[in-house]
N, C-alpha and C. Protein backbone atom coordinates (compact mmCIF):
# COMPACT_ATOMS: atom_id res chain seq x y z
N MET A 1 1.35 11.92 10.37
CA MET A 1 2.21 10.85 9.90
C MET A 1 2.40 9.83 11.02
N ALA A 2 2.42 8.58 10.67
CA ALA A 2 2.55 7.50 11.65
C ALA A 2 3.96 7.49 12.25
N LYS A 3 4.03 7.02 13.49
CA LYS A 3 5.32 6.86 14.15
C LYS A 3 5.96 5.57 13.67
N LEU A 4 7.28 5.56 13.72
CA LEU A 4 8.04 4.38 13.34
C LEU A 4 7.52 3.17 14.12
N GLY A 5 7.12 2.14 13.43
CA GLY A 5 6.65 0.92 14.06
C GLY A 5 5.14 0.77 14.09
N GLU A 6 4.39 1.86 14.03
CA GLU A 6 2.93 1.76 14.10
C GLU A 6 2.34 1.01 12.91
N LEU A 7 2.83 1.31 11.72
CA LEU A 7 2.25 0.69 10.53
C LEU A 7 2.55 -0.80 10.43
N PRO A 8 3.79 -1.24 10.73
CA PRO A 8 4.00 -2.69 10.71
C PRO A 8 3.09 -3.41 11.72
N ALA A 9 2.88 -2.81 12.89
CA ALA A 9 1.99 -3.42 13.89
C ALA A 9 0.56 -3.47 13.37
N GLU A 10 0.13 -2.39 12.75
CA GLU A 10 -1.23 -2.32 12.22
C GLU A 10 -1.44 -3.36 11.12
N LEU A 11 -0.48 -3.50 10.23
CA LEU A 11 -0.59 -4.48 9.16
C LEU A 11 -0.67 -5.90 9.72
N ARG A 12 0.15 -6.19 10.70
CA ARG A 12 0.15 -7.51 11.33
C ARG A 12 -1.20 -7.77 12.00
N GLN A 13 -1.70 -6.79 12.73
CA GLN A 13 -2.97 -6.96 13.43
C GLN A 13 -4.13 -7.10 12.46
N ASP A 14 -4.06 -6.39 11.33
CA ASP A 14 -5.11 -6.52 10.31
C ASP A 14 -5.20 -7.95 9.79
N LYS A 15 -4.06 -8.64 9.75
CA LYS A 15 -4.04 -10.03 9.30
C LYS A 15 -4.31 -11.00 10.45
N LYS A 16 -4.59 -10.43 11.63
CA LYS A 16 -4.88 -11.23 12.82
C LYS A 16 -3.73 -12.19 13.13
N MET A 17 -2.53 -11.66 13.02
CA MET A 17 -1.32 -12.46 13.27
C MET A 17 -0.71 -12.06 14.60
N THR A 18 -0.07 -13.02 15.25
CA THR A 18 0.72 -12.70 16.42
C THR A 18 2.11 -12.27 15.97
N GLN A 19 2.84 -11.68 16.89
CA GLN A 19 4.23 -11.32 16.58
C GLN A 19 5.03 -12.58 16.26
N ARG A 20 4.75 -13.64 16.96
CA ARG A 20 5.47 -14.91 16.73
C ARG A 20 5.20 -15.42 15.31
N GLU A 21 3.94 -15.37 14.86
CA GLU A 21 3.61 -15.85 13.52
C GLU A 21 4.32 -15.03 12.45
N LEU A 22 4.34 -13.72 12.62
CA LEU A 22 5.03 -12.87 11.65
C LEU A 22 6.53 -13.14 11.69
N ALA A 23 7.07 -13.30 12.88
CA ALA A 23 8.50 -13.60 13.01
C ALA A 23 8.85 -14.89 12.28
N ASP A 24 8.01 -15.89 12.42
CA ASP A 24 8.24 -17.17 11.72
C ASP A 24 8.23 -16.97 10.21
N LYS A 25 7.30 -16.16 9.70
CA LYS A 25 7.22 -15.92 8.26
C LYS A 25 8.47 -15.21 7.74
N LEU A 26 9.01 -14.30 8.58
CA LEU A 26 10.16 -13.49 8.15
C LEU A 26 11.50 -14.08 8.60
N HIS A 27 11.43 -15.20 9.31
CA HIS A 27 12.64 -15.88 9.80
C HIS A 27 13.46 -14.98 10.72
N VAL A 28 12.77 -14.36 11.67
CA VAL A 28 13.43 -13.56 12.70
C VAL A 28 12.84 -13.96 14.05
N PHE A 29 13.43 -13.49 15.13
CA PHE A 29 12.90 -13.75 16.46
C PHE A 29 11.69 -12.86 16.71
N SER A 30 10.76 -13.34 17.51
CA SER A 30 9.57 -12.54 17.81
C SER A 30 9.94 -11.25 18.53
N GLY A 31 11.05 -11.26 19.27
CA GLY A 31 11.53 -10.04 19.93
C GLY A 31 11.89 -8.96 18.93
N ALA A 32 12.36 -9.38 17.74
CA ALA A 32 12.69 -8.41 16.69
C ALA A 32 11.42 -7.71 16.22
N ILE A 33 10.35 -8.47 16.04
CA ILE A 33 9.08 -7.88 15.62
C ILE A 33 8.59 -6.91 16.69
N SER A 34 8.68 -7.30 17.93
CA SER A 34 8.28 -6.43 19.03
C SER A 34 9.08 -5.13 19.01
N ASN A 35 10.38 -5.25 18.81
CA ASN A 35 11.23 -4.05 18.75
C ASN A 35 10.89 -3.16 17.56
N TYR A 36 10.57 -3.76 16.41
CA TYR A 36 10.17 -2.97 15.24
C TYR A 36 8.90 -2.18 15.57
N GLU A 37 7.94 -2.87 16.16
CA GLU A 37 6.64 -2.25 16.42
C GLU A 37 6.70 -1.18 17.51
N LYS A 38 7.60 -1.33 18.45
CA LYS A 38 7.76 -0.34 19.51
C LYS A 38 8.65 0.83 19.06
N GLY A 39 9.28 0.68 17.91
CA GLY A 39 10.18 1.72 17.43
C GLY A 39 11.54 1.71 18.11
N VAL A 40 11.84 0.62 18.81
CA VAL A 40 13.14 0.49 19.47
C VAL A 40 14.23 0.30 18.42
N HIS A 41 13.94 -0.56 17.46
CA HIS A 41 14.84 -0.82 16.33
C HIS A 41 14.00 -0.84 15.07
N PHE A 42 14.65 -0.61 13.96
CA PHE A 42 13.96 -0.76 12.69
C PHE A 42 14.70 -1.82 11.89
N PRO A 43 13.98 -2.59 11.08
CA PRO A 43 14.65 -3.68 10.35
C PRO A 43 15.71 -3.15 9.39
N ASP A 44 16.74 -3.98 9.19
CA ASP A 44 17.73 -3.63 8.18
C ASP A 44 17.06 -3.69 6.81
N LEU A 45 17.76 -3.28 5.78
CA LEU A 45 17.17 -3.16 4.45
C LEU A 45 16.58 -4.47 3.95
N GLU A 46 17.30 -5.57 4.13
CA GLU A 46 16.80 -6.86 3.64
C GLU A 46 15.49 -7.24 4.35
N ARG A 47 15.43 -7.05 5.65
CA ARG A 47 14.22 -7.40 6.39
C ARG A 47 13.09 -6.41 6.10
N LEU A 48 13.44 -5.16 5.87
CA LEU A 48 12.43 -4.17 5.49
C LEU A 48 11.77 -4.57 4.18
N ILE A 49 12.56 -4.99 3.23
CA ILE A 49 12.04 -5.44 1.93
C ILE A 49 11.17 -6.67 2.11
N ASN A 50 11.63 -7.62 2.93
CA ASN A 50 10.83 -8.83 3.19
C ASN A 50 9.50 -8.49 3.84
N LEU A 51 9.52 -7.55 4.77
CA LEU A 51 8.30 -7.12 5.45
C LEU A 51 7.35 -6.45 4.46
N ALA A 52 7.89 -5.58 3.63
CA ALA A 52 7.08 -4.90 2.62
C ALA A 52 6.49 -5.91 1.63
N ASP A 53 7.31 -6.84 1.18
CA ASP A 53 6.82 -7.87 0.25
C ASP A 53 5.73 -8.72 0.89
N TYR A 54 5.92 -9.08 2.14
CA TYR A 54 4.93 -9.93 2.81
C TYR A 54 3.57 -9.23 2.89
N PHE A 55 3.59 -7.94 3.21
CA PHE A 55 2.33 -7.21 3.36
C PHE A 55 1.88 -6.52 2.07
N HIS A 56 2.65 -6.67 0.99
CA HIS A 56 2.32 -6.07 -0.31
C HIS A 56 2.18 -4.55 -0.22
N VAL A 57 3.17 -3.94 0.41
CA VAL A 57 3.23 -2.48 0.51
C VAL A 57 4.63 -2.04 0.08
N THR A 58 4.83 -0.74 -0.03
CA THR A 58 6.16 -0.24 -0.37
C THR A 58 7.01 -0.11 0.89
N THR A 59 8.31 -0.09 0.69
CA THR A 59 9.21 0.11 1.83
C THR A 59 9.05 1.52 2.40
N ASP A 60 8.61 2.46 1.62
CA ASP A 60 8.36 3.81 2.13
C ASP A 60 7.11 3.87 3.01
N TYR A 61 6.17 2.99 2.79
CA TYR A 61 4.94 2.98 3.59
C TYR A 61 5.21 2.55 5.04
N LEU A 62 6.06 1.55 5.21
CA LEU A 62 6.28 0.99 6.54
C LEU A 62 6.77 2.00 7.58
N PRO A 63 7.73 2.85 7.27
CA PRO A 63 8.14 3.84 8.27
C PRO A 63 7.28 5.11 8.25
N GLY A 64 6.23 5.13 7.43
CA GLY A 64 5.34 6.27 7.38
C GLY A 64 5.80 7.39 6.47
N ARG A 65 6.68 7.07 5.51
CA ARG A 65 7.17 8.10 4.58
C ARG A 65 6.16 8.45 3.50
N CYS A 66 5.19 7.58 3.26
CA CYS A 66 4.13 7.88 2.30
C CYS A 66 2.82 7.33 2.85
N GLU A 67 1.73 7.87 2.37
CA GLU A 67 0.42 7.47 2.88
C GLU A 67 -0.18 6.29 2.14
N SER A 68 0.30 6.02 0.94
CA SER A 68 -0.26 4.94 0.14
C SER A 68 0.32 3.60 0.57
N ASN A 69 -0.56 2.64 0.80
CA ASN A 69 -0.10 1.31 1.15
C ASN A 69 -0.11 0.37 -0.06
N LEU A 70 -0.14 0.95 -1.24
CA LEU A 70 -0.14 0.14 -2.45
C LEU A 70 1.24 -0.46 -2.69
N SER A 71 1.24 -1.68 -3.17
CA SER A 71 2.49 -2.32 -3.55
C SER A 71 3.07 -1.63 -4.77
N SER A 72 4.38 -1.63 -4.86
CA SER A 72 5.02 -1.02 -6.04
C SER A 72 4.64 -1.77 -7.31
N ASP A 73 4.23 -3.02 -7.19
CA ASP A 73 3.80 -3.79 -8.37
C ASP A 73 2.58 -3.18 -9.04
N VAL A 74 1.75 -2.49 -8.28
CA VAL A 74 0.55 -1.86 -8.83
C VAL A 74 0.94 -0.88 -9.93
N PHE A 75 2.00 -0.13 -9.72
CA PHE A 75 2.40 0.90 -10.66
C PHE A 75 2.98 0.33 -11.96
N LYS A 76 3.34 -0.94 -11.94
CA LYS A 76 3.88 -1.60 -13.14
C LYS A 76 2.76 -2.16 -14.02
N GLY A 77 1.56 -2.27 -13.47
CA GLY A 77 0.43 -2.81 -14.23
C GLY A 77 0.05 -1.90 -15.38
N THR A 78 -0.44 -2.51 -16.44
CA THR A 78 -0.85 -1.71 -17.60
C THR A 78 -2.32 -1.35 -17.49
N ILE A 79 -2.65 -0.19 -18.05
CA ILE A 79 -4.05 0.24 -18.01
C ILE A 79 -4.67 0.28 -19.40
N ALA A 80 -3.88 0.64 -20.40
CA ALA A 80 -4.38 0.66 -21.78
C ALA A 80 -3.20 0.80 -22.72
N GLU A 81 -3.26 0.07 -23.81
CA GLU A 81 -2.25 0.16 -24.86
C GLU A 81 -0.82 0.17 -24.30
N SER A 82 -0.55 -0.75 -23.42
CA SER A 82 0.76 -0.95 -22.80
C SER A 82 1.29 0.26 -22.03
N LYS A 83 0.41 1.11 -21.58
CA LYS A 83 0.79 2.22 -20.71
C LYS A 83 0.65 1.74 -19.26
N THR A 84 1.67 2.00 -18.46
CA THR A 84 1.60 1.56 -17.07
C THR A 84 0.87 2.58 -16.21
N ILE A 85 0.43 2.11 -15.07
CA ILE A 85 -0.22 3.00 -14.12
C ILE A 85 0.77 4.06 -13.66
N GLY A 86 2.01 3.67 -13.47
CA GLY A 86 3.05 4.63 -13.09
C GLY A 86 3.21 5.73 -14.12
N GLU A 87 3.21 5.36 -15.41
CA GLU A 87 3.31 6.37 -16.47
C GLU A 87 2.11 7.30 -16.45
N PHE A 88 0.93 6.73 -16.23
CA PHE A 88 -0.29 7.54 -16.16
C PHE A 88 -0.17 8.57 -15.04
N ILE A 89 0.30 8.14 -13.89
CA ILE A 89 0.42 9.04 -12.75
C ILE A 89 1.43 10.15 -13.05
N CYS A 90 2.54 9.81 -13.68
CA CYS A 90 3.55 10.84 -14.03
C CYS A 90 2.95 11.90 -14.95
N VAL A 91 2.18 11.48 -15.94
CA VAL A 91 1.55 12.42 -16.86
C VAL A 91 0.49 13.23 -16.11
N PHE A 92 -0.29 12.56 -15.30
CA PHE A 92 -1.35 13.22 -14.52
C PHE A 92 -0.80 14.35 -13.67
N LYS A 93 0.36 14.10 -13.04
CA LYS A 93 0.97 15.11 -12.18
C LYS A 93 1.40 16.36 -12.96
N GLN A 94 1.63 16.22 -14.26
CA GLN A 94 2.10 17.35 -15.07
C GLN A 94 0.97 18.18 -15.67
N LEU A 95 -0.27 17.73 -15.53
CA LEU A 95 -1.40 18.44 -16.12
C LEU A 95 -1.64 19.78 -15.45
N ASP A 96 -2.14 20.74 -16.23
CA ASP A 96 -2.50 22.03 -15.63
C ASP A 96 -3.78 21.84 -14.80
N ALA A 97 -4.10 22.82 -13.99
CA ALA A 97 -5.21 22.71 -13.03
C ALA A 97 -6.54 22.37 -13.69
N ALA A 98 -6.85 22.97 -14.83
CA ALA A 98 -8.14 22.72 -15.49
C ALA A 98 -8.26 21.26 -15.91
N ARG A 99 -7.21 20.69 -16.43
CA ARG A 99 -7.24 19.28 -16.87
C ARG A 99 -7.34 18.33 -15.69
N LYS A 100 -6.69 18.68 -14.58
CA LYS A 100 -6.78 17.83 -13.40
C LYS A 100 -8.21 17.75 -12.90
N GLU A 101 -8.94 18.85 -12.94
CA GLU A 101 -10.34 18.85 -12.51
C GLU A 101 -11.15 17.89 -13.38
N ALA A 102 -10.90 17.90 -14.68
CA ALA A 102 -11.61 17.00 -15.59
C ALA A 102 -11.31 15.54 -15.26
N ARG A 103 -10.04 15.24 -14.96
CA ARG A 103 -9.66 13.86 -14.62
C ARG A 103 -10.32 13.42 -13.31
N ILE A 104 -10.43 14.34 -12.36
CA ILE A 104 -11.07 14.01 -11.09
C ILE A 104 -12.54 13.68 -11.31
N LEU A 105 -13.21 14.43 -12.17
CA LEU A 105 -14.61 14.14 -12.48
C LEU A 105 -14.76 12.77 -13.12
N ILE A 106 -13.84 12.44 -14.02
CA ILE A 106 -13.88 11.13 -14.67
C ILE A 106 -13.65 10.03 -13.64
N MET A 107 -12.69 10.23 -12.74
CA MET A 107 -12.42 9.23 -11.70
C MET A 107 -13.63 9.06 -10.78
N ASP A 108 -14.26 10.15 -10.42
CA ASP A 108 -15.46 10.08 -9.57
C ASP A 108 -16.56 9.28 -10.26
N GLU A 109 -16.73 9.51 -11.55
CA GLU A 109 -17.75 8.80 -12.32
C GLU A 109 -17.43 7.30 -12.40
N MET A 110 -16.15 6.96 -12.57
CA MET A 110 -15.76 5.55 -12.61
C MET A 110 -16.02 4.88 -11.26
N GLU A 111 -15.67 5.56 -10.18
CA GLU A 111 -15.92 5.01 -8.85
C GLU A 111 -17.40 4.82 -8.60
N PHE A 112 -18.21 5.74 -9.08
CA PHE A 112 -19.65 5.63 -8.94
C PHE A 112 -20.16 4.37 -9.65
N HIS A 113 -19.71 4.14 -10.88
CA HIS A 113 -20.14 2.96 -11.64
C HIS A 113 -19.66 1.67 -10.99
N ILE A 114 -18.47 1.68 -10.42
CA ILE A 114 -17.97 0.50 -9.72
C ILE A 114 -18.87 0.19 -8.52
N ALA A 115 -19.23 1.23 -7.77
CA ALA A 115 -20.10 1.04 -6.60
C ALA A 115 -21.47 0.51 -7.01
N ILE A 116 -22.03 1.04 -8.10
CA ILE A 116 -23.33 0.58 -8.59
C ILE A 116 -23.24 -0.88 -9.01
N ASN A 117 -22.18 -1.25 -9.73
CA ASN A 117 -22.01 -2.64 -10.17
C ASN A 117 -21.90 -3.59 -8.98
N ARG A 118 -21.15 -3.19 -7.95
CA ARG A 118 -21.03 -4.01 -6.76
C ARG A 118 -22.37 -4.19 -6.07
N ARG A 119 -23.13 -3.09 -5.98
CA ARG A 119 -24.44 -3.16 -5.35
C ARG A 119 -25.38 -4.09 -6.14
N ASN A 120 -25.34 -3.97 -7.47
CA ASN A 120 -26.19 -4.81 -8.30
C ASN A 120 -25.83 -6.28 -8.19
N LYS A 121 -24.53 -6.58 -8.07
CA LYS A 121 -24.10 -7.98 -7.93
C LYS A 121 -24.55 -8.55 -6.60
N LYS A 122 -24.55 -7.73 -5.56
CA LYS A 122 -25.00 -8.20 -4.25
C LYS A 122 -26.50 -8.47 -4.26
N GLY A 123 -27.23 -7.70 -5.07
CA GLY A 123 -28.68 -7.84 -5.15
C GLY A 123 -29.10 -9.07 -5.93
N ASN A 124 -28.24 -9.62 -6.76
CA ASN A 124 -28.58 -10.80 -7.59
C ASN A 124 -28.39 -12.07 -6.87
């Protein structure tokens, strides 16, 4: 699990931003960003939410409480017949072991087709 401050620093660096640039976006002093990244201080709730919104991640991701860096908006998206991704995940978690294996095979097959389509588009 990441240490407090590592993930905000990593997200900022991935965007090739300086601490000053991020501070300007979040309307804080650059010293605050430095303190967040060093784990000296952690942002208050309002700034944590702003940071999560800016990087499109969850507030749980920033302090390393979860491994997924997906935005919470992803789970609100619909996948079929007005079923949300979040609802799909809740049902998926309740499946018995045999059904989960079948779902994993289906997911693997979908990922394979996505990779093939991407490769074919690059070839054209």
